[in-house]
Amino acid sequence: MPELKLRASAPRYKLLSEMDGLSSSLAVLTAMITPAVLISASGTMILSTSSRLGRVVDRVRALSDRLPELSRGDLEIDFLEERRAMLFDQLDKLTSRSRLLQRALTTFYLAVGVFVATSVAIGVVAFFGARGAWVPVAMGLIGAFFLFYGSMLLVFEARLALSTTHAEMDFIWRTSKRFVPRELVEQHKTHYVHFRKKKDKRSPK
């Protein structure tokens, strides 16, 4: 009787062991897929950064085409000196923006590579044992740091882009006030964008 019970329970134990092996495999695959969320986030940031870098390059080329024209001294253009100053300031800020975007793009590429290596490391650690279980964790933290650092670079670039827009708007505002009647100018107050207020120059009493 005991032998019959053992023979009857043998297929059940085999089935349970196979199910345990399948569950372990699924758990490993699930853990390997987890970094894909961060890989997708890094890819989205790469696409956005590439688009912004392309717009900066197009803007620099457009200003470079205007630079020889404004550099000549025999021109009779209204507000020539102001236009030259604005052009040089725009080129300087665009250069800084392009460097920040290039650095951010490189950082996001590194983040994607580290997250892919993290997924591979999870499978390797699960196959050879849990001795190096700290390796995927460390690599995941490094990839997250790269993603955070690239995001901070984009924040600085966005602030620089906003300052560039503000400078161009200020130039247009100053030059447009010279063409319109004084009564019309006095009717309109200075527009403050994003709480960027200038200090009023009050005449001494």
Protein backbone atom coordinates (compact mmCIF):
# COMPACT_ATOMS: atom_id res chain seq x y z
CA MET A 1 0.00 0.00 0.00
CA PRO A 2 2.70 2.58 0.81
CA GLU A 3 4.41 1.77 -2.51
CA LEU A 4 1.15 2.38 -4.37
CA LYS A 5 0.73 5.72 -2.63
CA LEU A 6 4.27 6.77 -3.56
CA ARG A 7 3.72 5.77 -7.20
CA ALA A 8 0.41 7.69 -7.30
CA SER A 9 1.93 10.82 -5.78
CA ALA A 10 5.04 10.82 -8.02
CA PRO A 11 3.34 12.49 -11.04
CA ARG A 12 1.87 15.09 -8.69
CA TYR A 13 5.28 15.99 -7.27
CA LYS A 14 6.70 16.15 -10.79
CA LEU A 15 3.92 18.48 -11.88
CA LEU A 16 4.48 20.70 -8.84
CA SER A 17 8.21 20.90 -9.49
CA GLU A 18 7.60 21.82 -13.11
CA MET A 19 5.17 24.54 -12.02
CA ASP A 20 7.73 25.87 -9.54
CA GLY A 21 10.34 26.00 -12.29
CA LEU A 22 7.92 27.80 -14.59
CA SER A 23 7.05 30.30 -11.84
CA SER A 24 10.73 30.97 -11.21
CA SER A 25 11.34 31.54 -14.92
CA LEU A 26 8.39 33.92 -15.15
CA ALA A 27 9.63 35.79 -12.08
CA VAL A 28 13.06 36.22 -13.66
CA LEU A 29 11.55 37.39 -16.95
CA THR A 30 9.30 39.83 -15.10
CA ALA A 31 12.30 41.24 -13.25
CA MET A 32 14.21 41.56 -16.54
CA ILE A 33 11.31 43.45 -18.15
CA THR A 34 11.05 45.93 -15.24
CA PRO A 35 13.89 48.22 -16.50
CA ALA A 36 11.97 48.55 -19.80
CA VAL A 37 9.84 51.27 -18.19
CA LEU A 38 12.92 53.38 -17.51
CA ILE A 39 14.29 52.55 -20.96
CA SER A 40 11.06 53.87 -22.48
CA ALA A 41 11.31 57.05 -20.38
CA SER A 42 14.92 57.56 -21.50
CA GLY A 43 13.90 57.05 -25.14
CA THR A 44 11.20 59.68 -24.81
CA MET A 45 13.72 62.13 -23.37
CA ILE A 46 16.13 61.34 -26.22
CA LEU A 47 13.49 62.15 -28.83
CA SER A 48 12.55 65.40 -27.10
CA THR A 49 16.18 66.47 -26.65
CA SER A 50 17.04 65.64 -30.27
CA SER A 51 14.13 67.76 -31.47
CA ARG A 52 15.18 70.71 -29.30
CA LEU A 53 18.78 70.39 -30.45
CA GLY A 54 17.64 70.41 -34.09
CA ARG A 55 15.68 73.63 -33.53
CA VAL A 56 18.71 75.25 -31.91
CA VAL A 57 20.91 74.27 -34.86
CA ASP A 58 18.38 75.70 -37.33
CA ARG A 59 18.22 78.93 -35.34
CA VAL A 60 22.02 79.23 -35.25
CA ARG A 61 22.23 78.74 -39.02
CA ALA A 62 19.58 81.40 -39.59
CA LEU A 63 21.44 83.90 -37.41
CA SER A 64 24.76 82.99 -39.02
CA ASP A 65 23.31 83.90 -42.40
CA ARG A 66 22.36 87.34 -41.05
CA LEU A 67 25.70 87.93 -39.34
CA PRO A 68 27.75 88.96 -42.44
CA GLU A 69 24.99 91.36 -43.48
CA LEU A 70 24.90 93.15 -40.14
CA SER A 71 28.68 93.16 -39.79
CA ARG A 72 29.22 95.52 -42.71
CA GLY A 73 29.72 99.14 -41.80
CA ASP A 74 28.10 100.73 -44.86
CA LEU A 75 24.55 99.70 -43.96
CA GLU A 76 21.73 102.09 -43.29
CA ILE A 77 19.38 99.98 -41.17
CA ASP A 78 17.25 101.23 -38.34
CA PHE A 79 18.58 100.27 -34.91
CA LEU A 80 21.69 98.69 -36.40
CA GLU A 81 23.69 98.65 -33.18
CA GLU A 82 20.77 97.24 -31.22
CA ARG A 83 20.29 94.52 -33.82
CA ARG A 84 23.97 93.60 -33.71
CA ALA A 85 23.95 93.42 -29.92
CA MET A 86 20.84 91.25 -29.93
CA LEU A 87 22.32 88.97 -32.60
CA PHE A 88 25.55 88.41 -30.70
CA ASP A 89 23.64 87.81 -27.47
CA GLN A 90 21.38 85.29 -29.22
CA LEU A 91 24.35 83.41 -30.66
CA ASP A 92 26.04 83.27 -27.28
CA LYS A 93 22.98 81.85 -25.57
CA LEU A 94 22.29 79.43 -28.40
CA THR A 95 25.84 78.12 -28.09
CA SER A 96 25.29 77.45 -24.39
CA ARG A 97 21.96 75.79 -25.13
CA SER A 98 23.48 73.48 -27.74
CA ARG A 99 26.19 72.39 -25.32
CA LEU A 100 23.65 71.64 -22.60
CA LEU A 101 21.46 69.69 -25.02
CA GLN A 102 24.42 67.70 -26.35
CA ARG A 103 25.47 66.81 -22.81
CA ALA A 104 21.90 65.83 -21.89
CA LEU A 105 21.58 63.69 -25.03
CA THR A 106 24.80 61.85 -24.18
CA THR A 107 23.57 61.30 -20.62
CA PHE A 108 20.27 59.82 -21.80
CA TYR A 109 22.11 57.46 -24.18
CA LEU A 110 24.24 56.30 -21.25
CA ALA A 111 21.08 55.77 -19.18
CA VAL A 112 19.57 53.56 -21.89
CA GLY A 113 22.75 51.49 -22.08
CA VAL A 114 22.94 51.06 -18.31
CA PHE A 115 19.27 50.04 -18.05
CA VAL A 116 19.73 47.43 -20.81
CA ALA A 117 22.80 46.12 -18.97
CA THR A 118 20.71 46.00 -15.80
CA SER A 119 18.14 43.77 -17.50
CA VAL A 120 20.90 41.44 -18.71
CA ALA A 121 22.51 41.40 -15.26
CA ILE A 122 19.23 40.31 -13.66
CA GLY A 123 19.08 37.27 -15.93
CA VAL A 124 22.75 36.42 -15.37
CA VAL A 125 22.44 36.67 -11.58
CA ALA A 126 19.31 34.49 -11.62
CA PHE A 127 21.12 31.86 -13.73
CA PHE A 128 24.40 31.65 -11.82
CA GLY A 129 23.09 32.26 -8.32
CA ALA A 130 22.44 35.12 -5.93
CA ARG A 131 26.08 35.93 -5.15
CA GLY A 132 26.11 39.06 -7.27
CA ALA A 133 22.56 40.17 -6.52
CA TRP A 134 23.86 43.68 -5.74
CA VAL A 135 25.08 44.20 -9.32
CA PRO A 136 21.64 44.82 -10.96
CA VAL A 137 20.65 47.10 -8.10
CA ALA A 138 23.81 49.18 -8.43
CA MET A 139 23.44 49.40 -12.20
CA GLY A 140 19.78 50.45 -11.86
CA LEU A 141 20.78 53.22 -9.47
CA ILE A 142 23.48 54.41 -11.86
CA GLY A 143 21.00 54.51 -14.75
CA ALA A 144 18.49 56.43 -12.61
CA PHE A 145 21.23 58.92 -11.72
CA PHE A 146 21.99 59.47 -15.41
CA LEU A 147 18.30 60.02 -16.10
CA PHE A 148 18.04 62.53 -13.25
CA TYR A 149 21.19 64.38 -14.32
CA GLY A 150 19.97 64.66 -17.91
CA SER A 151 16.63 66.01 -16.69
CA MET A 152 18.42 68.70 -14.66
CA LEU A 153 20.40 69.71 -17.74
CA LEU A 154 17.14 70.11 -19.65
CA VAL A 155 15.79 72.31 -16.86
CA PHE A 156 18.81 74.62 -17.18
CA GLU A 157 18.44 74.65 -20.96
CA ALA A 158 14.75 75.52 -20.70
CA ARG A 159 15.51 78.46 -18.42
CA LEU A 160 18.17 79.66 -20.85
CA ALA A 161 15.72 79.36 -23.74
CA LEU A 162 13.19 81.40 -21.78
CA SER A 163 15.76 84.12 -21.13
CA THR A 164 16.54 84.20 -24.86
CA THR A 165 12.87 84.65 -25.67
CA HIS A 166 12.57 87.40 -23.07
CA ALA A 167 15.56 89.25 -24.52
CA GLU A 168 14.08 89.14 -28.01
CA MET A 169 10.68 90.29 -26.73
CA ASP A 170 12.33 93.18 -24.87
CA PHE A 171 14.13 94.25 -28.04
CA ILE A 172 10.90 94.20 -30.04
CA TRP A 173 9.14 96.15 -27.29
CA ARG A 174 11.84 98.83 -27.17
CA THR A 175 12.00 99.29 -30.93
CA SER A 176 8.24 99.25 -31.43
CA LYS A 177 7.79 102.10 -28.95
CA ARG A 178 9.78 104.37 -31.26
CA PHE A 179 7.34 103.94 -34.15
CA VAL A 180 3.99 104.27 -32.44
CA PRO A 181 2.57 107.53 -31.08
CA ARG A 182 3.57 108.46 -27.57
CA GLU A 183 -0.04 108.58 -26.42
CA LEU A 184 -0.53 104.97 -27.46
CA VAL A 185 2.63 103.87 -25.66
CA GLU A 186 1.52 105.53 -22.44
CA GLN A 187 -1.79 103.69 -22.57
CA HIS A 188 -0.08 100.30 -22.38
CA LYS A 189 1.79 99.14 -19.33
CA THR A 190 4.91 96.99 -19.45
CA HIS A 191 4.05 93.31 -19.69
CA TYR A 192 5.64 91.09 -17.07
CA VAL A 193 6.12 87.51 -18.17
CA HIS A 194 6.32 84.79 -15.49
CA PHE A 195 6.79 87.38 -12.76
CA ARG A 196 9.98 88.66 -14.38
CA LYS A 197 9.79 92.23 -13.21
CA LYS A 198 12.33 94.88 -13.87
CA LYS A 199 13.29 97.48 -11.34
CA ASP A 200 11.74 100.81 -12.11
CA LYS A 201 14.24 103.55 -12.74
CA ARG A 202 12.97 106.39 -10.64
CA SER A 203 14.33 109.83 -11.12
CA PRO A 204 16.05 111.28 -8.07
CA LYS A 205 14.04 113.81 -6.19
